Amino acid sequence: MPGAQEIPPKIQKLPAVLVDQIAAGEVVERPASVVKELVENALDAGATAIHVELQGGGLDEIVVADNGSGMSPADLLLCVEQHATSKIHALPDLAAIHTFGFRGEAVSSIASVSDLEIQSRLQGQAAGFKIPVHFGEKAAEAEPCAAAEGTRFQVRRLFAKIPARRKFLRSAGTELSHCNRLVKELAMGNPEVRFSLTHQGRRLFEFVPANREERVREATRWNWNPIKVEEEADGLKMFALLWDPRENPGKNEWYLFVNRRPVRNRNLYGLIKGLFPDPNAPSAGVLFLDIRHDWLDVNVHPQKWEIRFWQQERLFPWVRSTLRKALPAPPPQGGSKAPGTRPPGQAHSPATPVRVIGQMQTGYLVVEDSSSLFLIPSAALQRQRTYEQLAKQFQLGGVERRTCRPLILVVDPAEESFLSLETHRALLLHCGFELDRYGNADLCVRQCPRILTDPQAMAAAKRVFGQLADPDPSSKWLQSIAEALAPIQLSDAEAANLIGDLQTLPKSTVDGHTLVFELNSETIAQYFERPPQQRPYFERT
């Protein structure tokens, strides 16, 4: 309109550096995110050795060095630009991605939120080059430098200029535990590559090239008696190591890999858990799937953790049937309640004192009062009473303890539990354990609860160590002590004394398992009044 005053626009295009910092929030959440992206780049570059060094859990400094193909000076300048990549070149390439990285976002995102220096030397070249990038502002040219063949990324002061992001990071110990798990996952997925992790100048682990099973064993350090599954059909390959929950009680840890890539997929995880006898119980395992690249969509999550299967209706039934052959069958599912099971919260109220009338070879006490029969698992009863005894000692000043011969626990020094030891030392002593660090990576048990033998103390200490990072661990520690105490064969008199009054006996153990199974006279009468074909059990003939 002629003569009208021009109104300046309120909407403005953001500076490129600010755009990069905003975009970096999708890719870089914490130090482990940086480590993941840089290690994956090293793998894509054909590295056979990758070394990760951290300071302050990665908050102060992250160094990832590899012996891969290296970069030219021109590539050094381009790699810090957004959406600059050598992995894909056209839209069809997204349909069958063979590499870990492909978007060209990782290095530019890291460069925008940190002080970054990249050194690289091409294979066969006499000299290397380096480029510094200060929170998104890069040098105009790459400078010559002395460098080993391959590439070295040095990341300092992560999020130092973005306080809103920095304050959401956890302690150095917590961030280290995330980095530790991440590097181990990538190492398990790529066992032919040498990996090492160093923190504050101390080597936490180093894995030499190995096969998958050897690498998993070295990385997890679990009790080694897995169910091994290997299968191949129609271009699909599976390698799995699964642990019976009884072999690693309380451990609930899973690693899933698809085409060497560590992934998170709820549907796949739920499928596997559903094959165990108790899907809700803790379990552990490692699953590797190698499938066609065009069956997989990895372009789902900014950090490439989540994946989508294009042929899920073909893949999942094969996974299910293959694993089902190796695992114990789950209990039959049904809507009817087992006879004699008591509704939650209903108290026992026998009319007369109980009498132990026998013990089954399967470990159940058979008890009666005037109107009911009760089955009580002897081992669970003993654990419950031991727990109650320990809890009483705990409240009155501490669990009774004794000096044992030094027991050495081999543990992972990067686990949050190891880093939490000093925080919980006094509480551990109150629960009967004196634990000290032994060397750089192990623990020594010097005192243990009086009721435990040395082998039992070792078993209990392993479980207690795994629970150190829990927010309120003392109750779990007492459970672990009680579970380590081997049950004994009770006489009828000892059993009756241990049961005491059924009215005061808990209806379930401290860990939630049923302690008493009742068959009252009404339930028994209803059973015999039914026609034989409607009875839930067959009579013995």
Protein backbone atom coordinates (compact mmCIF):
# COMPACT_ATOMS: atom_id res chain seq x y z
CA MET A 1 0.00 0.00 0.00
CA PRO A 2 1.62 3.29 -1.02
CA GLY A 3 2.89 5.35 1.89
CA ALA A 4 2.34 2.62 4.45
CA GLN A 5 5.10 2.20 6.98
CA GLU A 6 6.98 -1.07 6.53
CA ILE A 7 6.64 -3.33 9.59
CA PRO A 8 9.75 -5.40 10.35
CA PRO A 9 9.05 -9.16 10.59
CA LYS A 10 8.98 -10.82 14.01
CA ILE A 11 10.00 -14.17 12.59
CA GLN A 12 13.70 -14.47 11.88
CA LYS A 13 15.87 -17.26 10.60
CA LEU A 14 18.13 -18.60 13.34
CA PRO A 15 21.93 -18.52 13.01
CA ALA A 16 23.45 -21.78 11.77
CA VAL A 17 25.37 -22.33 15.03
CA LEU A 18 22.16 -22.05 17.08
CA VAL A 19 20.33 -24.38 14.68
CA ASP A 20 23.09 -26.95 15.13
CA GLN A 21 22.91 -26.70 18.93
CA ILE A 22 19.14 -27.23 18.88
CA ALA A 23 19.47 -30.19 16.52
CA ALA A 24 22.25 -31.64 18.65
CA GLY A 25 19.75 -32.22 21.45
CA GLU A 26 18.20 -35.04 19.42
CA VAL A 27 21.49 -36.83 18.85
CA VAL A 28 23.60 -35.96 21.90
CA GLU A 29 21.95 -36.43 25.29
CA ARG A 30 24.92 -37.35 27.45
CA PRO A 31 28.56 -38.48 27.17
CA ALA A 32 27.48 -42.00 26.19
CA SER A 33 25.70 -40.53 23.15
CA VAL A 34 28.98 -38.98 22.00
CA VAL A 35 30.85 -42.24 22.55
CA LYS A 36 28.23 -44.19 20.60
CA GLU A 37 28.35 -41.94 17.55
CA LEU A 38 32.15 -41.78 17.42
CA VAL A 39 32.67 -45.52 17.95
CA GLU A 40 30.11 -46.30 15.25
CA ASN A 41 31.96 -43.94 12.88
CA ALA A 42 35.17 -45.83 13.68
CA LEU A 43 33.50 -49.16 12.88
CA ASP A 44 32.21 -47.78 9.59
CA ALA A 45 35.77 -46.68 8.79
CA GLY A 46 36.93 -50.30 9.03
CA ALA A 47 38.78 -49.95 12.35
CA THR A 48 40.16 -53.13 13.93
CA ALA A 49 41.12 -51.38 17.19
CA ILE A 50 39.10 -48.71 19.03
CA HIS A 51 40.23 -47.03 22.24
CA VAL A 52 37.93 -44.88 24.40
CA GLU A 53 39.37 -42.62 27.11
CA LEU A 54 37.23 -40.64 29.56
CA GLN A 55 37.81 -37.97 32.18
CA GLY A 56 35.14 -37.23 34.76
CA GLY A 57 32.81 -39.88 33.38
CA GLY A 58 32.99 -38.17 29.98
CA LEU A 59 31.78 -34.83 31.34
CA ASP A 60 35.27 -33.32 31.17
CA GLU A 61 36.79 -35.15 28.22
CA ILE A 62 36.08 -37.95 25.76
CA VAL A 63 38.72 -39.35 23.42
CA VAL A 64 37.88 -41.97 20.79
CA ALA A 65 40.83 -43.18 18.71
CA ASP A 66 40.77 -45.78 15.94
CA ASN A 67 43.01 -47.29 13.27
CA GLY A 68 40.44 -46.99 10.49
CA SER A 69 40.77 -45.57 6.99
CA GLY A 70 41.25 -41.97 8.14
CA MET A 71 40.17 -38.71 6.47
CA SER A 72 41.74 -36.28 4.03
CA PRO A 73 41.99 -32.55 4.87
CA ALA A 74 38.93 -31.86 2.70
CA ASP A 75 36.92 -34.58 4.46
CA LEU A 76 37.96 -33.19 7.85
CA LEU A 77 36.39 -29.85 6.96
CA LEU A 78 33.25 -31.48 5.58
CA CYS A 79 32.64 -33.97 8.40
CA VAL A 80 31.66 -31.21 10.84
CA GLU A 81 29.03 -29.87 8.45
CA GLN A 82 25.43 -30.94 9.00
CA HIS A 83 24.15 -33.72 6.72
CA ALA A 84 27.58 -34.35 5.22
CA THR A 85 28.22 -38.09 4.95
CA SER A 86 29.98 -40.72 2.87
CA LYS A 87 27.47 -43.46 3.81
CA ILE A 88 24.52 -42.67 1.53
CA HIS A 89 24.10 -40.61 -1.65
CA ALA A 90 20.48 -40.98 -2.79
CA LEU A 91 17.02 -41.73 -1.40
CA PRO A 92 17.05 -45.46 -2.37
CA ASP A 93 20.12 -45.94 -0.15
CA LEU A 94 17.91 -45.48 2.94
CA ALA A 95 16.06 -48.71 2.09
CA ALA A 96 19.10 -50.93 2.69
CA ILE A 97 21.57 -49.31 5.08
CA HIS A 98 24.69 -51.40 5.70
CA THR A 99 26.54 -48.94 7.96
CA PHE A 100 26.03 -47.79 11.55
CA GLY A 101 25.87 -44.11 10.62
CA PHE A 102 24.22 -42.56 7.61
CA ARG A 103 22.61 -39.17 8.38
CA GLY A 104 25.73 -37.02 8.63
CA GLU A 105 24.45 -35.44 11.86
CA ALA A 106 26.64 -36.92 14.59
CA VAL A 107 29.93 -35.04 14.24
CA SER A 108 28.26 -31.70 13.49
CA SER A 109 26.01 -32.14 16.54
CA ILE A 110 28.95 -32.98 18.79
CA ALA A 111 30.98 -30.07 17.39
CA SER A 112 28.18 -27.59 18.15
CA VAL A 113 28.01 -28.42 21.89
CA SER A 114 31.66 -28.95 22.82
CA ASP A 115 35.28 -28.07 22.25
CA LEU A 116 36.24 -30.60 19.57
CA GLU A 117 39.53 -31.46 17.93
CA ILE A 118 39.80 -34.07 15.19
CA GLN A 119 43.12 -35.55 14.10
CA SER A 120 43.24 -37.93 11.15
CA ARG A 121 45.74 -39.58 8.88
CA LEU A 122 44.84 -41.54 5.76
CA GLN A 123 46.18 -45.06 5.45
CA GLY A 124 49.52 -44.97 3.64
CA GLN A 125 50.06 -41.20 4.07
CA ALA A 126 53.15 -39.80 5.78
CA ALA A 127 51.42 -37.04 7.75
CA GLY A 128 48.08 -36.29 9.30
CA PHE A 129 45.89 -33.22 9.67
CA LYS A 130 43.78 -31.73 12.44
CA ILE A 131 40.87 -29.35 12.74
CA PRO A 132 39.63 -27.60 15.92
CA VAL A 133 35.95 -26.70 16.35
CA HIS A 134 34.92 -24.45 19.24
CA PHE A 135 31.18 -24.89 19.93
CA GLY A 136 30.30 -24.91 16.25
CA GLU A 137 32.94 -22.44 15.05
CA LYS A 138 35.51 -24.31 12.98
CA ALA A 139 38.88 -23.29 11.58
CA ALA A 140 39.05 -22.30 7.94
CA GLU A 141 41.64 -24.94 7.08
CA ALA A 142 42.94 -28.24 8.42
CA GLU A 143 46.45 -28.01 9.85
CA PRO A 144 49.21 -30.61 9.39
CA CYS A 145 50.04 -32.58 12.53
CA ALA A 146 51.74 -35.74 13.73
CA ALA A 147 49.08 -38.45 13.90
CA ALA A 148 48.76 -42.21 13.82
CA GLU A 149 46.92 -43.83 10.93
CA GLY A 150 43.20 -43.56 11.57
CA THR A 151 41.21 -40.88 13.39
CA ARG A 152 41.22 -39.41 16.89
CA PHE A 153 38.33 -37.35 18.27
CA GLN A 154 38.88 -35.30 21.43
CA VAL A 155 35.70 -33.86 22.95
CA ARG A 156 36.00 -31.45 25.89
CA ARG A 157 33.59 -29.38 28.00
CA LEU A 158 30.44 -31.07 26.74
CA PHE A 159 27.43 -28.70 27.06
CA ALA A 160 29.61 -26.15 28.90
CA LYS A 161 27.90 -23.29 27.02
CA ILE A 162 24.43 -24.76 27.38
CA PRO A 163 23.72 -24.77 31.15
CA ALA A 164 20.13 -25.92 30.62
CA ARG A 165 21.46 -29.15 29.09
CA ARG A 166 24.42 -29.56 31.43
CA LYS A 167 22.28 -29.50 34.59
CA PHE A 168 20.34 -32.57 33.46
CA LEU A 169 23.48 -34.71 33.35
CA ARG A 170 24.07 -37.04 36.29
CA SER A 171 27.16 -37.61 38.41
CA ALA A 172 30.46 -38.67 36.86
CA GLY A 173 29.91 -42.18 38.22
CA THR A 174 26.48 -42.51 36.62
CA GLU A 175 27.67 -41.14 33.28
CA LEU A 176 30.63 -43.52 33.38
CA SER A 177 28.30 -46.49 33.93
CA HIS A 178 26.31 -45.49 30.83
CA CYS A 179 29.49 -45.21 28.77
CA ASN A 180 30.74 -48.52 30.13
CA ARG A 181 27.59 -50.40 29.12
CA LEU A 182 27.52 -48.70 25.72
CA VAL A 183 31.11 -49.61 24.83
CA LYS A 184 30.53 -53.18 25.99
CA GLU A 185 27.41 -53.43 23.82
CA LEU A 186 29.29 -52.23 20.76
CA ALA A 187 32.16 -54.58 21.61
CA MET A 188 29.79 -57.57 21.88
CA GLY A 189 28.23 -56.70 18.54
CA ASN A 190 31.66 -56.47 16.88
CA PRO A 191 33.83 -59.14 18.52
CA GLU A 192 36.43 -59.10 15.72
CA VAL A 193 37.47 -55.57 16.82
CA ARG A 194 39.78 -54.81 19.74
CA PHE A 195 38.13 -52.48 22.27
CA SER A 196 39.43 -50.74 25.38
CA LEU A 197 37.95 -48.29 27.89
CA THR A 198 40.05 -46.08 30.17
CA HIS A 199 38.82 -43.71 32.88
CA GLN A 200 40.99 -41.16 34.66
CA GLY A 201 44.04 -42.93 33.25
CA ARG A 202 42.98 -46.34 34.62
CA ARG A 203 42.22 -49.15 32.16
CA LEU A 204 38.78 -50.56 32.96
CA PHE A 205 38.83 -53.29 30.34
CA GLU A 206 40.39 -54.37 27.08
CA PHE A 207 38.85 -56.96 24.78
CA VAL A 208 41.02 -58.70 22.20
CA PRO A 209 39.46 -60.02 18.96
CA ALA A 210 37.33 -63.09 19.66
CA ASN A 211 34.21 -64.92 18.55
CA ARG A 212 30.77 -63.85 19.75
CA GLU A 213 30.51 -66.30 22.61
CA GLU A 214 33.97 -65.49 23.98
CA ARG A 215 33.31 -61.74 23.73
CA VAL A 216 29.95 -62.03 25.54
CA ARG A 217 31.54 -64.09 28.28
CA GLU A 218 34.32 -61.55 28.79
CA ALA A 219 32.01 -58.53 28.63
CA THR A 220 29.19 -59.73 30.90
CA ARG A 221 31.21 -61.83 33.39
CA TRP A 222 28.01 -63.70 34.26
CA ASN A 223 27.94 -67.21 35.72
CA TRP A 224 28.74 -69.18 32.59
CA ASN A 225 26.22 -71.92 31.94
CA PRO A 226 24.05 -70.49 29.15
CA ILE A 227 21.49 -72.14 26.92
CA LYS A 228 23.10 -71.78 23.50
CA VAL A 229 20.93 -71.37 20.41
CA GLU A 230 22.21 -71.27 16.82
CA GLU A 231 19.86 -71.38 13.83
CA GLU A 232 19.89 -70.35 10.18
CA ALA A 233 17.00 -70.40 7.70
CA ASP A 234 15.93 -68.47 4.59
CA GLY A 235 18.60 -65.81 4.92
CA LEU A 236 18.00 -65.37 8.67
CA LYS A 237 20.64 -66.16 11.28
CA MET A 238 20.27 -66.32 15.03
CA PHE A 239 22.84 -66.74 17.78
CA ALA A 240 21.55 -66.55 21.35
CA LEU A 241 22.91 -67.15 24.83
CA LEU A 242 20.11 -67.44 27.38
CA TRP A 243 20.38 -67.94 31.12
CA ASP A 244 18.07 -69.98 33.28
CA PRO A 245 16.83 -67.54 36.00
CA ARG A 246 17.90 -70.11 38.58
CA GLU A 247 21.50 -69.79 37.39
CA ASN A 248 21.55 -65.98 37.75
CA PRO A 249 18.83 -65.25 40.31
CA GLY A 250 17.70 -61.64 40.36
CA LYS A 251 19.63 -60.66 37.23
CA ASN A 252 17.42 -58.90 34.69
CA GLU A 253 19.70 -57.83 31.86
CA TRP A 254 19.24 -58.24 28.13
CA TYR A 255 21.32 -57.33 25.11
CA LEU A 256 19.68 -57.37 21.66
CA PHE A 257 21.63 -57.01 18.41
CA VAL A 258 20.41 -56.82 14.84
CA ASN A 259 23.10 -56.89 12.13
CA ARG A 260 25.75 -56.17 14.81
CA ARG A 261 23.84 -53.07 15.92
CA PRO A 262 22.71 -52.87 19.59
CA VAL A 263 19.02 -52.05 19.51
CA ARG A 264 15.93 -51.52 21.64
CA ASN A 265 12.71 -53.13 20.41
CA ARG A 266 9.84 -53.67 22.83
CA ASN A 267 8.06 -56.19 20.64
CA LEU A 268 11.15 -58.38 20.26
CA TYR A 269 11.99 -58.08 23.95
CA GLY A 270 8.42 -58.96 24.95
CA LEU A 271 8.43 -61.96 22.63
CA ILE A 272 11.57 -63.36 24.26
CA LYS A 273 10.42 -62.73 27.84
CA GLY A 274 7.10 -64.42 27.09
CA LEU A 275 8.88 -67.69 26.32
CA PHE A 276 10.27 -68.09 29.86
CA PRO A 277 8.30 -70.11 32.44
CA ASP A 278 7.61 -66.89 34.37
CA PRO A 279 7.67 -63.92 31.95
CA ASN A 280 7.62 -61.44 34.85
CA ALA A 281 10.59 -62.96 36.66
CA PRO A 282 14.09 -61.51 36.19
CA SER A 283 16.00 -63.17 33.36
CA ALA A 284 19.12 -62.54 31.30
CA GLY A 285 20.36 -63.20 27.81
CA VAL A 286 22.03 -62.00 24.64
CA LEU A 287 20.39 -62.32 21.21
CA PHE A 288 22.07 -61.69 17.84
CA LEU A 289 19.99 -61.55 14.67
CA ASP A 290 21.48 -61.21 11.19
CA ILE A 291 18.79 -60.39 8.65
CA ARG A 292 18.44 -58.81 5.23
CA HIS A 293 19.12 -55.08 5.33
CA ASP A 294 15.97 -54.29 3.36
CA TRP A 295 13.90 -55.92 6.14
CA LEU A 296 15.10 -53.32 8.60
CA ASP A 297 14.39 -49.61 9.10
CA VAL A 298 17.01 -47.98 11.31
CA ASN A 299 15.92 -44.45 10.39
CA VAL A 300 13.40 -44.31 13.26
CA HIS A 301 15.25 -42.82 16.24
CA PRO A 302 17.70 -39.86 16.21
CA GLN A 303 20.26 -41.97 18.08
CA LYS A 304 19.45 -45.10 16.03
CA TRP A 305 18.49 -47.16 19.10
CA GLU A 306 14.98 -47.99 17.94
CA ILE A 307 14.42 -50.08 14.83
CA ARG A 308 11.42 -51.20 12.80
CA PHE A 309 11.08 -54.58 11.09
CA TRP A 310 9.45 -54.54 7.66
CA GLN A 311 8.91 -58.32 7.67
CA GLN A 312 7.95 -58.73 11.33
CA GLU A 313 5.19 -61.22 10.47
CA ARG A 314 7.84 -63.58 9.04
CA LEU A 315 10.70 -62.83 11.42
CA PHE A 316 8.97 -63.04 14.80
CA PRO A 317 7.32 -66.48 14.36
CA TRP A 318 10.71 -67.87 13.37
CA VAL A 319 12.39 -66.29 16.41
CA ARG A 320 9.63 -67.59 18.68
CA SER A 321 9.69 -71.16 17.42
CA THR A 322 13.49 -71.33 17.44
CA LEU A 323 13.84 -70.10 21.02
CA ARG A 324 10.88 -72.12 22.27
CA LYS A 325 12.70 -75.35 21.39
CA ALA A 326 15.57 -74.40 23.68
CA LEU A 327 13.72 -72.90 26.66
CA PRO A 328 11.64 -74.63 29.35
CA ALA A 329 7.95 -74.58 28.49
CA PRO A 330 5.90 -71.89 30.28
CA PRO A 331 3.23 -73.04 32.75
CA PRO A 332 -0.25 -73.62 31.31
CA GLN A 333 -2.35 -70.48 31.18
CA GLY A 334 -5.91 -70.62 32.42
CA GLY A 335 -8.58 -68.43 33.86
CA SER A 336 -9.59 -70.71 36.74
CA LYS A 337 -7.99 -70.31 40.11
CA ALA A 338 -6.13 -73.32 41.47
CA PRO A 339 -8.08 -75.12 44.18
CA GLY A 340 -7.35 -73.91 47.63
CA THR A 341 -5.58 -70.69 46.67
CA ARG A 342 -6.52 -67.91 49.00
CA PRO A 343 -7.63 -64.48 47.73
CA PRO A 344 -4.97 -61.80 48.29
CA GLY A 345 -5.08 -60.28 51.73
CA GLN A 346 -7.19 -63.01 53.32
CA ALA A 347 -5.75 -63.99 56.67
CA HIS A 348 -5.26 -67.52 57.97
CA SER A 349 -7.51 -68.22 60.92
CA PRO A 350 -7.32 -71.87 61.98
CA ALA A 351 -9.65 -72.91 64.75
CA THR A 352 -7.05 -75.04 66.53
CA PRO A 353 -3.24 -75.25 66.67
CA VAL A 354 -1.62 -76.79 63.61
CA ARG A 355 0.05 -80.20 63.41
CA VAL A 356 2.77 -81.27 60.97
CA ILE A 357 1.64 -84.62 59.56
CA GLY A 358 4.47 -85.21 57.11
CA GLN A 359 6.90 -83.89 54.54
CA MET A 360 6.80 -84.53 50.81
CA GLN A 361 9.97 -85.53 48.99
CA THR A 362 9.51 -82.42 46.84
CA GLY A 363 10.20 -80.24 49.89
CA TYR A 364 6.70 -79.32 51.06
CA LEU A 365 5.49 -79.54 54.65
CA VAL A 366 2.01 -81.05 55.02
CA VAL A 367 0.18 -79.35 57.89
CA GLU A 368 -3.37 -79.67 59.20
CA ASP A 369 -5.75 -77.99 61.58
CA SER A 370 -9.33 -78.91 62.36
CA SER A 371 -10.73 -77.88 58.96
CA SER A 372 -7.91 -77.54 56.42
CA LEU A 373 -4.77 -79.02 54.96
CA PHE A 374 -1.84 -76.69 54.25
CA LEU A 375 1.20 -77.12 52.01
CA ILE A 376 4.18 -74.96 52.97
CA PRO A 377 7.47 -74.96 50.99
CA SER A 378 10.12 -75.80 53.57
CA ALA A 379 12.95 -73.86 51.89
CA ALA A 380 10.82 -70.71 51.48
CA LEU A 381 9.66 -70.96 55.10
CA GLN A 382 13.25 -71.18 56.32
CA ARG A 383 14.28 -68.19 54.18
CA GLN A 384 11.35 -66.15 55.47
CA ARG A 385 12.14 -66.90 59.11
CA THR A 386 15.84 -66.15 58.50
CA TYR A 387 14.92 -62.83 56.91
CA GLU A 388 12.74 -61.95 59.91
CA GLN A 389 15.62 -62.82 62.26
CA LEU A 390 18.05 -60.66 60.25
CA ALA A 391 15.57 -57.78 60.10
CA LYS A 392 15.21 -57.89 63.88
CA GLN A 393 19.00 -57.83 64.33
CA PHE A 394 19.21 -54.95 61.86
CA GLN A 395 16.73 -52.92 63.91
CA LEU A 396 18.47 -53.69 67.20
CA GLY A 397 21.93 -52.51 66.16
CA GLY A 398 23.12 -54.53 63.20
CA VAL A 399 23.31 -58.04 61.77
CA GLU A 400 25.68 -60.26 63.75
CA ARG A 401 28.88 -60.71 61.78
CA ARG A 402 32.15 -62.61 61.89
CA THR A 403 35.58 -62.29 60.32
CA CYS A 404 35.92 -64.61 57.34
CA ARG A 405 38.91 -65.57 55.27
CA PRO A 406 39.45 -62.89 52.60
CA LEU A 407 36.98 -63.57 49.78
CA ILE A 408 37.81 -61.90 46.46
CA LEU A 409 34.94 -60.79 44.22
CA VAL A 410 35.78 -60.16 40.57
CA VAL A 411 33.60 -57.20 39.58
CA ASP A 412 33.33 -54.58 36.88
CA PRO A 413 35.01 -51.38 38.17
CA ALA A 414 32.89 -49.23 35.86
CA GLU A 415 29.57 -50.48 37.26
CA GLU A 416 27.62 -47.94 39.26
CA SER A 417 27.55 -50.49 42.11
CA PHE A 418 31.35 -50.36 42.37
CA LEU A 419 31.28 -46.58 42.36
CA SER A 420 28.57 -46.58 45.08
CA LEU A 421 30.64 -48.66 47.51
CA GLU A 422 31.87 -45.77 49.65
CA THR A 423 28.37 -44.29 49.88
CA HIS A 424 26.94 -47.50 51.36
CA ARG A 425 29.92 -48.71 53.42
CA ALA A 426 28.30 -47.99 56.81
CA LEU A 427 24.97 -49.52 55.77
CA LEU A 428 26.76 -52.60 54.45
CA LEU A 429 28.47 -53.07 57.81
CA HIS A 430 25.08 -52.74 59.52
CA CYS A 431 23.88 -55.59 57.28
CA GLY A 432 26.87 -57.76 58.23
CA PHE A 433 29.30 -57.14 55.36
CA GLU A 434 32.66 -55.41 55.38
CA LEU A 435 33.72 -54.90 51.75
CA ASP A 436 36.94 -53.23 50.64
CA ARG A 437 38.37 -52.49 47.23
CA TYR A 438 41.05 -54.97 46.27
CA GLY A 439 43.36 -53.64 43.58
CA ASN A 440 41.84 -51.66 40.74
CA ALA A 441 38.95 -53.88 39.79
CA ASP A 442 37.98 -56.30 42.56
CA LEU A 443 36.40 -56.38 46.01
CA CYS A 444 37.47 -58.20 49.16
CA VAL A 445 34.93 -59.51 51.70
CA ARG A 446 36.55 -59.28 55.16
CA GLN A 447 33.50 -59.73 57.40
CA CYS A 448 30.21 -61.48 56.70
CA PRO A 449 26.95 -62.34 58.54
CA ARG A 450 27.62 -64.89 61.27
CA ILE A 451 25.01 -67.35 59.98
CA LEU A 452 26.79 -67.80 56.62
CA THR A 453 29.64 -70.12 55.70
CA ASP A 454 32.40 -68.69 53.51
CA PRO A 455 30.95 -70.07 50.24
CA GLN A 456 27.50 -68.80 51.23
CA ALA A 457 29.00 -65.41 52.09
CA MET A 458 30.61 -65.26 48.64
CA ALA A 459 27.26 -65.99 46.94
CA ALA A 460 25.44 -63.42 49.09
CA ALA A 461 28.14 -60.78 48.54
CA LYS A 462 27.81 -61.14 44.76
CA ARG A 463 24.09 -60.45 44.96
CA VAL A 464 24.56 -57.62 47.47
CA PHE A 465 27.13 -55.98 45.18
CA GLY A 466 24.66 -56.06 42.30
CA GLN A 467 22.15 -54.16 44.44
CA LEU A 468 24.50 -51.40 45.68
CA ALA A 469 23.11 -48.85 43.23
CA ASP A 470 19.49 -49.38 44.37
CA PRO A 471 17.97 -46.36 46.14
CA ASP A 472 16.96 -48.33 49.30
CA PRO A 473 18.96 -51.56 49.20
CA SER A 474 19.02 -52.81 52.81
CA SER A 475 15.85 -54.94 52.54
CA LYS A 476 17.16 -56.60 49.37
CA TRP A 477 20.50 -57.24 51.05
CA LEU A 478 18.82 -59.06 53.92
CA GLN A 479 16.86 -61.12 51.37
CA SER A 480 20.11 -62.00 49.60
CA ILE A 481 21.67 -63.16 52.87
CA ALA A 482 18.62 -65.30 53.68
CA GLU A 483 18.59 -66.83 50.19
CA ALA A 484 22.28 -67.72 50.40
CA LEU A 485 21.69 -69.83 53.51
CA ALA A 486 21.12 -73.40 52.32
CA PRO A 487 17.87 -74.93 53.65
CA ILE A 488 18.14 -78.01 55.87
CA GLN A 489 15.97 -81.08 56.32
CA LEU A 490 13.63 -80.32 59.23
CA SER A 491 12.19 -82.78 61.69
CA ASP A 492 8.43 -82.55 62.21
CA ALA A 493 9.03 -80.88 65.58
CA GLU A 494 11.45 -78.35 64.07
CA ALA A 495 9.00 -77.62 61.27
CA ALA A 496 6.12 -77.08 63.72
CA ASN A 497 8.30 -74.76 65.79
CA LEU A 498 9.32 -72.81 62.69
CA ILE A 499 5.72 -72.47 61.51
CA GLY A 500 4.50 -71.39 64.93
CA ASP A 501 1.00 -69.97 64.65
CA LEU A 502 -0.46 -70.01 61.15
CA GLN A 503 -2.46 -66.94 62.09
CA THR A 504 0.75 -64.90 62.37
CA LEU A 505 2.61 -66.61 59.52
CA PRO A 506 2.86 -64.25 56.50
CA LYS A 507 0.75 -65.38 53.56
CA SER A 508 3.66 -64.61 51.23
CA THR A 509 7.43 -64.26 51.49
CA VAL A 510 9.17 -60.90 51.55
CA ASP A 511 9.87 -61.23 47.80
CA GLY A 512 6.20 -61.89 47.02
CA HIS A 513 6.07 -65.68 46.62
CA THR A 514 3.16 -67.64 48.08
CA LEU A 515 4.11 -69.26 51.38
CA VAL A 516 0.94 -71.19 52.25
CA PHE A 517 -1.35 -73.24 49.98
CA GLU A 518 -4.62 -74.25 51.67
CA LEU A 519 -7.10 -77.02 50.89
CA ASN A 520 -10.05 -76.41 53.18
CA SER A 521 -12.89 -78.84 53.76
CA GLU A 522 -15.26 -76.87 51.51
CA THR A 523 -12.85 -77.02 48.55
CA ILE A 524 -12.24 -80.74 49.07
CA ALA A 525 -15.99 -81.43 49.24
CA GLN A 526 -16.63 -79.45 46.06
CA TYR A 527 -13.97 -81.49 44.28
CA PHE A 528 -15.52 -84.85 45.10
CA GLU A 529 -19.04 -83.64 44.35
CA ARG A 530 -18.14 -82.83 40.72
CA PRO A 531 -18.50 -85.39 37.93
CA PRO A 532 -15.11 -87.00 37.22
CA GLN A 533 -14.78 -85.33 33.81
CA GLN A 534 -15.08 -81.87 35.44
CA ARG A 535 -12.46 -82.41 38.11
CA PRO A 536 -9.29 -80.40 37.57
CA TYR A 537 -7.05 -83.36 38.37
CA PHE A 538 -7.15 -87.05 37.51
CA GLU A 539 -7.44 -89.49 40.38
CA ARG A 540 -4.48 -91.77 41.00
CA THR A 541 -5.20 -95.29 39.72
